Amino acid sequence: SWTSGDVPFDRHDWYVDRCGEEVRYVIDFYFDEEKAGQMEAFEVVARPALDSFTSCLDRLKMNIYVTCAEYGLPCPISGHEPKIASASSDANETSTTK
């Protein structure tokens, strides 16, 4: 991933309308050779591009939220209880609700 120094095999810029404001997101696609043949081999990382103060602040807030969730702590910014969704748990929830 971005923090480990791996280079994404594909990158896209997406523009999203957030309440009338156009925000650019960077979406990176990574592949883990050790997990080839499994769903976990692919990782998609989406984040606001660092092209405005607001986007930088959004990234900082998300990093705080994720770090708190990893340690089982409520987020001091949002007040949300710790929860990080994973692709495998989302797939299981979808298949059980059909």
PDB file of N, CA and C in Angstrom:
ATOM      1  N   SER A   1       0.826  -1.194   0.000  1.00  0.00           N
ATOM      2  CA  SER A   1       0.000   0.000   0.000  1.00  0.00           C
ATOM      3  C   SER A   1       0.867   1.254   0.000  1.00  0.00           C
ATOM      4  N   TRP A   2       0.206   2.399   0.104  1.00  0.00           N
ATOM      5  CA  TRP A   2       0.906   3.677   0.020  1.00  0.00           C
ATOM      6  C   TRP A   2       1.986   3.796   1.083  1.00  0.00           C
ATOM      7  N   THR A   3       1.713   3.334   2.284  1.00  0.00           N
ATOM      8  CA  THR A   3       2.668   3.476   3.372  1.00  0.00           C
ATOM      9  C   THR A   3       3.836   2.507   3.281  1.00  0.00           C
ATOM     10  N   SER A   4       3.660   1.367   2.593  1.00  0.00           N
ATOM     11  CA  SER A   4       4.733   0.386   2.512  1.00  0.00           C
ATOM     12  C   SER A   4       5.695   0.678   1.370  1.00  0.00           C
ATOM     13  N   GLY A   5       5.345   1.616   0.519  1.00  0.00           N
ATOM     14  CA  GLY A   5       6.230   1.968  -0.586  1.00  0.00           C
ATOM     15  C   GLY A   5       5.927   1.228  -1.870  1.00  0.00           C
ATOM     16  N   ASP A   6       4.948   0.308  -1.849  1.00  0.00           N
ATOM     17  CA  ASP A   6       4.567  -0.391  -3.062  1.00  0.00           C
ATOM     18  C   ASP A   6       3.986   0.605  -4.059  1.00  0.00           C
ATOM     19  N   VAL A   7       4.205   0.318  -5.323  1.00  0.00           N
ATOM     20  CA  VAL A   7       3.693   1.181  -6.379  1.00  0.00           C
ATOM     21  C   VAL A   7       2.377   0.590  -6.885  1.00  0.00           C
ATOM     22  N   PRO A   8       1.329   1.409  -7.005  1.00  0.00           N
ATOM     23  CA  PRO A   8       0.067   0.865  -7.515  1.00  0.00           C
ATOM     24  C   PRO A   8       0.212   0.449  -8.975  1.00  0.00           C
ATOM     25  N   PHE A   9      -0.547  -0.583  -9.368  1.00  0.00           N
ATOM     26  CA  PHE A   9      -0.502  -0.994 -10.764  1.00  0.00           C
ATOM     27  C   PHE A   9      -1.420  -0.147 -11.629  1.00  0.00           C
ATOM     28  N   ASP A  10      -2.293   0.628 -10.989  1.00  0.00           N
ATOM     29  CA  ASP A  10      -3.183   1.517 -11.729  1.00  0.00           C
ATOM     30  C   ASP A  10      -3.594   2.658 -10.809  1.00  0.00           C
ATOM     31  N   ARG A  11      -3.820   3.826 -11.386  1.00  0.00           N
ATOM     32  CA  ARG A  11      -4.233   4.997 -10.602  1.00  0.00           C
ATOM     33  C   ARG A  11      -5.239   5.796 -11.422  1.00  0.00           C
ATOM     34  N   HIS A  12      -6.257   6.288 -10.730  1.00  0.00           N
ATOM     35  CA  HIS A  12      -7.286   7.101 -11.381  1.00  0.00           C
ATOM     36  C   HIS A  12      -7.570   8.333 -10.548  1.00  0.00           C
ATOM     37  N   ASP A  13      -7.941   9.403 -11.203  1.00  0.00           N
ATOM     38  CA  ASP A  13      -8.469  10.588 -10.544  1.00  0.00           C
ATOM     39  C   ASP A  13      -9.974  10.599 -10.796  1.00  0.00           C
ATOM     40  N   TRP A  14     -10.730  10.724  -9.745  1.00  0.00           N
ATOM     41  CA  TRP A  14     -12.180  10.826  -9.859  1.00  0.00           C
ATOM     42  C   TRP A  14     -12.605  12.159  -9.284  1.00  0.00           C
ATOM     43  N   TYR A  15     -13.609  12.749  -9.891  1.00  0.00           N
ATOM     44  CA  TYR A  15     -14.166  13.997  -9.404  1.00  0.00           C
ATOM     45  C   TYR A  15     -15.558  13.705  -8.854  1.00  0.00           C
ATOM     46  N   VAL A  16     -15.786  14.117  -7.605  1.00  0.00           N
ATOM     47  CA  VAL A  16     -17.028  13.824  -6.904  1.00  0.00           C
ATOM     48  C   VAL A  16     -17.678  15.135  -6.493  1.00  0.00           C
ATOM     49  N   ASP A  17     -18.980  15.219  -6.686  1.00  0.00           N
ATOM     50  CA  ASP A  17     -19.736  16.380  -6.243  1.00  0.00           C
ATOM     51  C   ASP A  17     -20.124  16.162  -4.786  1.00  0.00           C
ATOM     52  N   ARG A  18     -19.537  16.943  -3.893  1.00  0.00           N
ATOM     53  CA  ARG A  18     -19.860  16.863  -2.473  1.00  0.00           C
ATOM     54  C   ARG A  18     -20.615  18.126  -2.082  1.00  0.00           C
ATOM     55  N   CYS A  19     -21.923  18.016  -2.105  1.00  0.00           N
ATOM     56  CA  CYS A  19     -22.803  19.139  -1.741  1.00  0.00           C
ATOM     57  C   CYS A  19     -22.510  20.382  -2.572  1.00  0.00           C
ATOM     58  N   GLY A  20     -22.358  20.215  -3.874  1.00  0.00           N
ATOM     59  CA  GLY A  20     -22.130  21.339  -4.775  1.00  0.00           C
ATOM     60  C   GLY A  20     -20.676  21.717  -4.971  1.00  0.00           C
ATOM     61  N   GLU A  21     -19.772  21.075  -4.244  1.00  0.00           N
ATOM     62  CA  GLU A  21     -18.341  21.352  -4.398  1.00  0.00           C
ATOM     63  C   GLU A  21     -17.673  20.159  -5.086  1.00  0.00           C
ATOM     64  N   GLU A  22     -16.946  20.421  -6.161  1.00  0.00           N
ATOM     65  CA  GLU A  22     -16.240  19.356  -6.871  1.00  0.00           C
ATOM     66  C   GLU A  22     -14.941  19.026  -6.142  1.00  0.00           C
ATOM     67  N   VAL A  23     -14.801  17.757  -5.742  1.00  0.00           N
ATOM     68  CA  VAL A  23     -13.627  17.304  -5.000  1.00  0.00           C
ATOM     69  C   VAL A  23     -12.951  16.200  -5.802  1.00  0.00           C
ATOM     70  N   ARG A  24     -11.637  16.327  -5.959  1.00  0.00           N
ATOM     71  CA  ARG A  24     -10.869  15.315  -6.697  1.00  0.00           C
ATOM     72  C   ARG A  24     -10.369  14.255  -5.722  1.00  0.00           C
ATOM     73  N   TYR A  25     -10.564  12.988  -6.098  1.00  0.00           N
ATOM     74  CA  TYR A  25     -10.063  11.857  -5.324  1.00  0.00           C
ATOM     75  C   TYR A  25      -9.029  11.102  -6.142  1.00  0.00           C
ATOM     76  N   VAL A  26      -8.039  10.557  -5.452  1.00  0.00           N
ATOM     77  CA  VAL A  26      -7.034   9.700  -6.073  1.00  0.00           C
ATOM     78  C   VAL A  26      -7.383   8.275  -5.675  1.00  0.00           C
ATOM     79  N   ILE A  27      -7.480   7.397  -6.664  1.00  0.00           N
ATOM     80  CA  ILE A  27      -7.803   5.998  -6.401  1.00  0.00           C
ATOM     81  C   ILE A  27      -6.664   5.146  -6.938  1.00  0.00           C
ATOM     82  N   ASP A  28      -6.009   4.409  -6.032  1.00  0.00           N
ATOM     83  CA  ASP A  28      -4.890   3.544  -6.391  1.00  0.00           C
ATOM     84  C   ASP A  28      -5.314   2.088  -6.260  1.00  0.00           C
ATOM     85  N   PHE A  29      -4.835   1.266  -7.184  1.00  0.00           N
ATOM     86  CA  PHE A  29      -5.107  -0.164  -7.191  1.00  0.00           C
ATOM     87  C   PHE A  29      -3.786  -0.900  -6.979  1.00  0.00           C
ATOM     88  N   TYR A  30      -3.762  -1.777  -5.967  1.00  0.00           N
ATOM     89  CA  TYR A  30      -2.560  -2.542  -5.631  1.00  0.00           C
ATOM     90  C   TYR A  30      -2.846  -4.031  -5.781  1.00  0.00           C
ATOM     91  N   PHE A  31      -1.785  -4.813  -6.065  1.00  0.00           N
ATOM     92  CA  PHE A  31      -1.904  -6.263  -6.159  1.00  0.00           C
ATOM     93  C   PHE A  31      -0.818  -6.897  -5.312  1.00  0.00           C
ATOM     94  N   ASP A  32      -1.214  -7.861  -4.469  1.00  0.00           N
ATOM     95  CA  ASP A  32      -0.290  -8.581  -3.600  1.00  0.00           C
ATOM     96  C   ASP A  32      -0.042  -9.961  -4.195  1.00  0.00           C
ATOM     97  N   GLU A  33       1.143 -10.177  -4.733  1.00  0.00           N
ATOM     98  CA  GLU A  33       1.492 -11.439  -5.385  1.00  0.00           C
ATOM     99  C   GLU A  33       1.319 -12.635  -4.449  1.00  0.00           C
ATOM    100  N   GLU A  34       1.608 -12.452  -3.168  1.00  0.00           N
ATOM    101  CA  GLU A  34       1.512 -13.554  -2.207  1.00  0.00           C
ATOM    102  C   GLU A  34       0.080 -14.038  -2.021  1.00  0.00           C
ATOM    103  N   LYS A  35      -0.892 -13.203  -2.370  1.00  0.00           N
ATOM    104  CA  LYS A  35      -2.301 -13.573  -2.212  1.00  0.00           C
ATOM    105  C   LYS A  35      -2.982 -13.798  -3.558  1.00  0.00           C
ATOM    106  N   ALA A  36      -2.190 -14.027  -4.600  1.00  0.00           N
ATOM    107  CA  ALA A  36      -2.742 -14.228  -5.945  1.00  0.00           C
ATOM    108  C   ALA A  36      -3.778 -15.350  -5.922  1.00  0.00           C
ATOM    109  N   GLY A  37      -4.883 -15.137  -6.636  1.00  0.00           N
ATOM    110  CA  GLY A  37      -5.960 -16.116  -6.684  1.00  0.00           C
ATOM    111  C   GLY A  37      -7.016 -15.921  -5.609  1.00  0.00           C
ATOM    112  N   GLN A  38      -6.816 -14.946  -4.737  1.00  0.00           N
ATOM    113  CA  GLN A  38      -7.773 -14.663  -3.668  1.00  0.00           C
ATOM    114  C   GLN A  38      -8.290 -13.227  -3.826  1.00  0.00           C
ATOM    115  N   MET A  39      -9.471 -12.980  -3.295  1.00  0.00           N
ATOM    116  CA  MET A  39     -10.027 -11.623  -3.341  1.00  0.00           C
ATOM    117  C   MET A  39      -9.122 -10.629  -2.629  1.00  0.00           C
ATOM    118  N   GLU A  40      -8.443 -11.075  -1.554  1.00  0.00           N
ATOM    119  CA  GLU A  40      -7.587 -10.202  -0.772  1.00  0.00           C
ATOM    120  C   GLU A  40      -6.332  -9.763  -1.522  1.00  0.00           C
ATOM    121  N   ALA A  41      -6.104 -10.303  -2.706  1.00  0.00           N
ATOM    122  CA  ALA A  41      -4.914  -9.939  -3.483  1.00  0.00           C
ATOM    123  C   ALA A  41      -5.014  -8.499  -3.976  1.00  0.00           C
ATOM    124  N   PHE A  42      -6.223  -7.985  -4.099  1.00  0.00           N
ATOM    125  CA  PHE A  42      -6.417  -6.629  -4.594  1.00  0.00           C
ATOM    126  C   PHE A  42      -6.756  -5.684  -3.456  1.00  0.00           C
ATOM    127  N   GLU A  43      -6.143  -4.512  -3.504  1.00  0.00           N
ATOM    128  CA  GLU A  43      -6.449  -3.466  -2.529  1.00  0.00           C
ATOM    129  C   GLU A  43      -6.721  -2.181  -3.296  1.00  0.00           C
ATOM    130  N   VAL A  44      -7.802  -1.526  -2.947  1.00  0.00           N
ATOM    131  CA  VAL A  44      -8.162  -0.253  -3.555  1.00  0.00           C
ATOM    132  C   VAL A  44      -8.072   0.812  -2.463  1.00  0.00           C
ATOM    133  N   VAL A  45      -7.290   1.838  -2.726  1.00  0.00           N
ATOM    134  CA  VAL A  45      -7.120   2.925  -1.763  1.00  0.00           C
ATOM    135  C   VAL A  45      -7.639   4.204  -2.408  1.00  0.00           C
ATOM    136  N   ALA A  46      -8.700   4.765  -1.818  1.00  0.00           N
ATOM    137  CA  ALA A  46      -9.286   6.010  -2.329  1.00  0.00           C
ATOM    138  C   ALA A  46      -9.140   7.079  -1.261  1.00  0.00           C
ATOM    139  N   ARG A  47      -8.720   8.253  -1.693  1.00  0.00           N
ATOM    140  CA  ARG A  47      -8.518   9.347  -0.748  1.00  0.00           C
ATOM    141  C   ARG A  47      -8.612  10.678  -1.486  1.00  0.00           C
ATOM    142  N   PRO A  48      -8.970  11.744  -0.759  1.00  0.00           N
ATOM    143  CA  PRO A  48      -8.989  13.057  -1.408  1.00  0.00           C
ATOM    144  C   PRO A  48      -7.582  13.432  -1.883  1.00  0.00           C
ATOM    145  N   ALA A  49      -7.502  14.023  -3.061  1.00  0.00           N
ATOM    146  CA  ALA A  49      -6.217  14.528  -3.557  1.00  0.00           C
ATOM    147  C   ALA A  49      -5.783  15.691  -2.672  1.00  0.00           C
ATOM    148  N   LEU A  50      -4.498  15.866  -2.536  1.00  0.00           N
ATOM    149  CA  LEU A  50      -3.992  16.950  -1.681  1.00  0.00           C
ATOM    150  C   LEU A  50      -3.873  18.244  -2.486  1.00  0.00           C
ATOM    151  N   ASP A  51      -5.019  18.745  -2.936  1.00  0.00           N
ATOM    152  CA  ASP A  51      -4.986  19.970  -3.732  1.00  0.00           C
ATOM    153  C   ASP A  51      -5.780  21.117  -3.113  1.00  0.00           C
ATOM    154  N   SER A  52      -6.192  20.937  -1.841  1.00  0.00           N
ATOM    155  CA  SER A  52      -6.843  22.034  -1.118  1.00  0.00           C
ATOM    156  C   SER A  52      -6.670  21.788   0.378  1.00  0.00           C
ATOM    157  N   PHE A  53      -6.836  22.841   1.152  1.00  0.00           N
ATOM    158  CA  PHE A  53      -6.728  22.713   2.604  1.00  0.00           C
ATOM    159  C   PHE A  53      -7.795  21.760   3.135  1.00  0.00           C
ATOM    160  N   THR A  54      -9.015  21.864   2.604  1.00  0.00           N
ATOM    161  CA  THR A  54     -10.116  21.014   3.048  1.00  0.00           C
ATOM    162  C   THR A  54      -9.810  19.540   2.792  1.00  0.00           C
ATOM    163  N   SER A  55      -9.235  19.225   1.639  1.00  0.00           N
ATOM    164  CA  SER A  55      -8.887  17.838   1.319  1.00  0.00           C
ATOM    165  C   SER A  55      -7.807  17.314   2.257  1.00  0.00           C
ATOM    166  N   CYS A  56      -6.830  18.151   2.573  1.00  0.00           N
ATOM    167  CA  CYS A  56      -5.780  17.757   3.530  1.00  0.00           C
ATOM    168  C   CYS A  56      -6.396  17.479   4.897  1.00  0.00           C
ATOM    169  N   LEU A  57      -7.330  18.317   5.317  1.00  0.00           N
ATOM    170  CA  LEU A  57      -8.009  18.137   6.590  1.00  0.00           C
ATOM    171  C   LEU A  57      -8.843  16.851   6.584  1.00  0.00           C
ATOM    172  N   ASP A  58      -9.517  16.568   5.463  1.00  0.00           N
ATOM    173  CA  ASP A  58     -10.296  15.331   5.346  1.00  0.00           C
ATOM    174  C   ASP A  58      -9.408  14.101   5.500  1.00  0.00           C
ATOM    175  N   ARG A  59      -8.235  14.133   4.886  1.00  0.00           N
ATOM    176  CA  ARG A  59      -7.309  12.998   5.014  1.00  0.00           C
ATOM    177  C   ARG A  59      -6.843  12.827   6.446  1.00  0.00           C
ATOM    178  N   LEU A  60      -6.538  13.929   7.105  1.00  0.00           N
ATOM    179  CA  LEU A  60      -6.096  13.873   8.498  1.00  0.00           C
ATOM    180  C   LEU A  60      -7.190  13.283   9.380  1.00  0.00           C
ATOM    181  N   LYS A  61      -8.434  13.752   9.190  1.00  0.00           N
ATOM    182  CA  LYS A  61      -9.545  13.248   9.983  1.00  0.00           C
ATOM    183  C   LYS A  61      -9.749  11.749   9.765  1.00  0.00           C
ATOM    184  N   MET A  62      -9.624  11.293   8.514  1.00  0.00           N
ATOM    185  CA  MET A  62      -9.814   9.875   8.233  1.00  0.00           C
ATOM    186  C   MET A  62      -8.703   9.033   8.870  1.00  0.00           C
ATOM    187  N   ASN A  63      -7.475   9.533   8.842  1.00  0.00           N
ATOM    188  CA  ASN A  63      -6.380   8.808   9.481  1.00  0.00           C
ATOM    189  C   ASN A  63      -6.607   8.683  10.989  1.00  0.00           C
ATOM    190  N   ILE A  64      -7.119   9.731  11.608  1.00  0.00           N
ATOM    191  CA  ILE A  64      -7.428   9.674  13.042  1.00  0.00           C
ATOM    192  C   ILE A  64      -8.531   8.654  13.292  1.00  0.00           C
ATOM    193  N   TYR A  65      -9.571   8.684  12.470  1.00  0.00           N
ATOM    194  CA  TYR A  65     -10.694   7.753  12.615  1.00  0.00           C
ATOM    195  C   TYR A  65     -10.218   6.302  12.501  1.00  0.00           C
ATOM    196  N   VAL A  66      -9.434   5.998  11.469  1.00  0.00           N
ATOM    197  CA  VAL A  66      -8.953   4.629  11.242  1.00  0.00           C
ATOM    198  C   VAL A  66      -8.033   4.182  12.374  1.00  0.00           C
ATOM    199  N   THR A  67      -7.129   5.053  12.807  1.00  0.00           N
ATOM    200  CA  THR A  67      -6.211   4.702  13.895  1.00  0.00           C
ATOM    201  C   THR A  67      -6.979   4.405  15.180  1.00  0.00           C
ATOM    202  N   CYS A  68      -7.964   5.219  15.497  1.00  0.00           N
ATOM    203  CA  CYS A  68      -8.778   4.972  16.690  1.00  0.00           C
ATOM    204  C   CYS A  68      -9.512   3.640  16.565  1.00  0.00           C
ATOM    205  N   ALA A  69     -10.071   3.345  15.401  1.00  0.00           N
ATOM    206  CA  ALA A  69     -10.791   2.087  15.196  1.00  0.00           C
ATOM    207  C   ALA A  69      -9.868   0.888  15.347  1.00  0.00           C
ATOM    208  N   GLU A  70      -8.637   1.015  14.855  1.00  0.00           N
ATOM    209  CA  GLU A  70      -7.674  -0.085  14.982  1.00  0.00           C
ATOM    210  C   GLU A  70      -7.359  -0.388  16.443  1.00  0.00           C
ATOM    211  N   TYR A  71      -7.390   0.623  17.303  1.00  0.00           N
ATOM    212  CA  TYR A  71      -7.122   0.438  18.725  1.00  0.00           C
ATOM    213  C   TYR A  71      -8.396   0.244  19.547  1.00  0.00           C
ATOM    214  N   GLY A  72      -9.548   0.195  18.866  1.00  0.00           N
ATOM    215  CA  GLY A  72     -10.807  -0.025  19.572  1.00  0.00           C
ATOM    216  C   GLY A  72     -11.307   1.183  20.335  1.00  0.00           C
ATOM    217  N   LEU A  73     -10.903   2.369  19.917  1.00  0.00           N
ATOM    218  CA  LEU A  73     -11.295   3.602  20.600  1.00  0.00           C
ATOM    219  C   LEU A  73     -12.329   4.372  19.790  1.00  0.00           C
ATOM    220  N   PRO A  74     -13.253   5.069  20.440  1.00  0.00           N
ATOM    221  CA  PRO A  74     -14.169   5.921  19.688  1.00  0.00           C
ATOM    222  C   PRO A  74     -13.402   7.092  19.070  1.00  0.00           C
ATOM    223  N   CYS A  75     -13.859   7.544  17.942  1.00  0.00           N
ATOM    224  CA  CYS A  75     -13.189   8.642  17.246  1.00  0.00           C
ATOM    225  C   CYS A  75     -13.448   9.957  17.974  1.00  0.00           C
ATOM    226  N   PRO A  76     -12.391  10.706  18.314  1.00  0.00           N
ATOM    227  CA  PRO A  76     -12.590  11.982  19.002  1.00  0.00           C
ATOM    228  C   PRO A  76     -13.184  13.062  18.097  1.00  0.00           C
ATOM    229  N   ILE A  77     -13.128  12.860  16.796  1.00  0.00           N
ATOM    230  CA  ILE A  77     -13.652  13.855  15.859  1.00  0.00           C
ATOM    231  C   ILE A  77     -15.130  13.619  15.587  1.00  0.00           C
ATOM    232  N   SER A  78     -15.482  12.372  15.235  1.00  0.00           N
ATOM    233  CA  SER A  78     -16.866  12.074  14.866  1.00  0.00           C
ATOM    234  C   SER A  78     -17.697  11.554  16.034  1.00  0.00           C
ATOM    235  N   GLY A  79     -17.029  10.990  17.044  1.00  0.00           N
ATOM    236  CA  GLY A  79     -17.744  10.378  18.155  1.00  0.00           C
ATOM    237  C   GLY A  79     -18.218   8.971  17.849  1.00  0.00           C
ATOM    238  N   HIS A  80     -17.955   8.475  16.619  1.00  0.00           N
ATOM    239  CA  HIS A  80     -18.395   7.134  16.233  1.00  0.00           C
ATOM    240  C   HIS A  80     -17.626   6.062  16.985  1.00  0.00           C
ATOM    241  N   GLU A  81     -18.329   4.974  17.241  1.00  0.00           N
ATOM    242  CA  GLU A  81     -17.694   3.815  17.850  1.00  0.00           C
ATOM    243  C   GLU A  81     -16.742   3.193  16.822  1.00  0.00           C
ATOM    244  N   PRO A  82     -15.719   2.468  17.294  1.00  0.00           N
ATOM    245  CA  PRO A  82     -14.727   1.897  16.380  1.00  0.00           C
ATOM    246  C   PRO A  82     -15.307   0.806  15.493  1.00  0.00           C
ATOM    247  N   LYS A  83     -15.151   0.952  14.180  1.00  0.00           N
ATOM    248  CA  LYS A  83     -15.570  -0.075  13.230  1.00  0.00           C
ATOM    249  C   LYS A  83     -14.861   0.184  11.910  1.00  0.00           C
ATOM    250  N   ILE A  84     -14.172  -0.824  11.422  1.00  0.00           N
ATOM    251  CA  ILE A  84     -13.560  -0.754  10.106  1.00  0.00           C
ATOM    252  C   ILE A  84     -14.125  -1.901   9.295  1.00  0.00           C
ATOM    253  N   ALA A  85     -14.784  -1.587   8.194  1.00  0.00           N
ATOM    254  CA  ALA A  85     -15.358  -2.621   7.332  1.00  0.00           C
ATOM    255  C   ALA A  85     -14.266  -3.225   6.473  1.00  0.00           C
ATOM    256  N   SER A  86     -14.367  -4.498   6.231  1.00  0.00           N
ATOM    257  CA  SER A  86     -13.432  -5.162   5.330  1.00  0.00           C
ATOM    258  C   SER A  86     -14.212  -5.700   4.148  1.00  0.00           C
ATOM    259  N   ALA A  87     -13.507  -5.944   3.061  1.00  0.00           N
ATOM    260  CA  ALA A  87     -14.157  -6.456   1.851  1.00  0.00           C
ATOM    261  C   ALA A  87     -14.800  -7.812   2.120  1.00  0.00           C
ATOM    262  N   SER A  88     -14.139  -8.666   2.880  1.00  0.00           N
ATOM    263  CA  SER A  88     -14.687  -9.995   3.135  1.00  0.00           C
ATOM    264  C   SER A  88     -15.928  -9.924   4.013  1.00  0.00           C
ATOM    265  N   SER A  89     -15.954  -9.056   5.028  1.00  0.00           N
ATOM    266  CA  SER A  89     -17.142  -8.962   5.878  1.00  0.00           C
ATOM    267  C   SER A  89     -18.294  -8.327   5.111  1.00  0.00           C
ATOM    268  N   ASP A  90     -18.003  -7.361   4.237  1.00  0.00           N
ATOM    269  CA  ASP A  90     -19.058  -6.762   3.422  1.00  0.00           C
ATOM    270  C   ASP A  90     -19.669  -7.786   2.498  1.00  0.00           C
ATOM    271  N   ALA A  91     -18.843  -8.655   1.907  1.00  0.00           N
ATOM    272  CA  ALA A  91     -19.340  -9.691   1.001  1.00  0.00           C
ATOM    273  C   ALA A  91     -20.208 -10.684   1.760  1.00  0.00           C
ATOM    274  N   ASN A  92     -19.813 -11.036   2.981  1.00  0.00           N
ATOM    275  CA  ASN A  92     -20.607 -11.967   3.785  1.00  0.00           C
ATOM    276  C   ASN A  92     -21.938 -11.353   4.171  1.00  0.00           C
ATOM    277  N   GLU A  93     -21.947 -10.080   4.539  1.00  0.00           N
ATOM    278  CA  GLU A  93     -23.197  -9.418   4.899  1.00  0.00           C
ATOM    279  C   GLU A  93     -24.130  -9.369   3.713  1.00  0.00           C
ATOM    280  N   THR A  94     -23.589  -9.094   2.522  1.00  0.00           N
ATOM    281  CA  THR A  94     -24.413  -9.015   1.319  1.00  0.00           C
ATOM    282  C   THR A  94     -25.016 -10.359   1.004  1.00  0.00           C
ATOM    283  N   SER A  95     -24.221 -11.427   1.098  1.00  0.00           N
ATOM    284  CA  SER A  95     -24.718 -12.747   0.711  1.00  0.00           C
ATOM    285  C   SER A  95     -25.760 -13.249   1.707  1.00  0.00           C
ATOM    286  N   THR A  96     -25.699 -12.850   2.961  1.00  0.00           N
ATOM    287  CA  THR A  96     -26.665 -13.328   3.950  1.00  0.00           C
ATOM    288  C   THR A  96     -27.967 -12.546   3.926  1.00  0.00           C
ATOM    289  N   THR A  97     -27.957 -11.355   3.318  1.00  0.00           N
ATOM    290  CA  THR A  97     -29.174 -10.541   3.308  1.00  0.00           C
ATOM    291  C   THR A  97     -30.004 -10.733   2.045  1.00  0.00           C
ATOM    292  N   LYS A  98     -29.550 -11.552   1.120  1.00  0.00           N
ATOM    293  CA  LYS A  98     -30.298 -11.757  -0.131  1.00  0.00           C
ATOM    294  C   LYS A  98     -31.486 -12.661   0.074  1.00  0.00           C
TER     295      LYS A  98
END
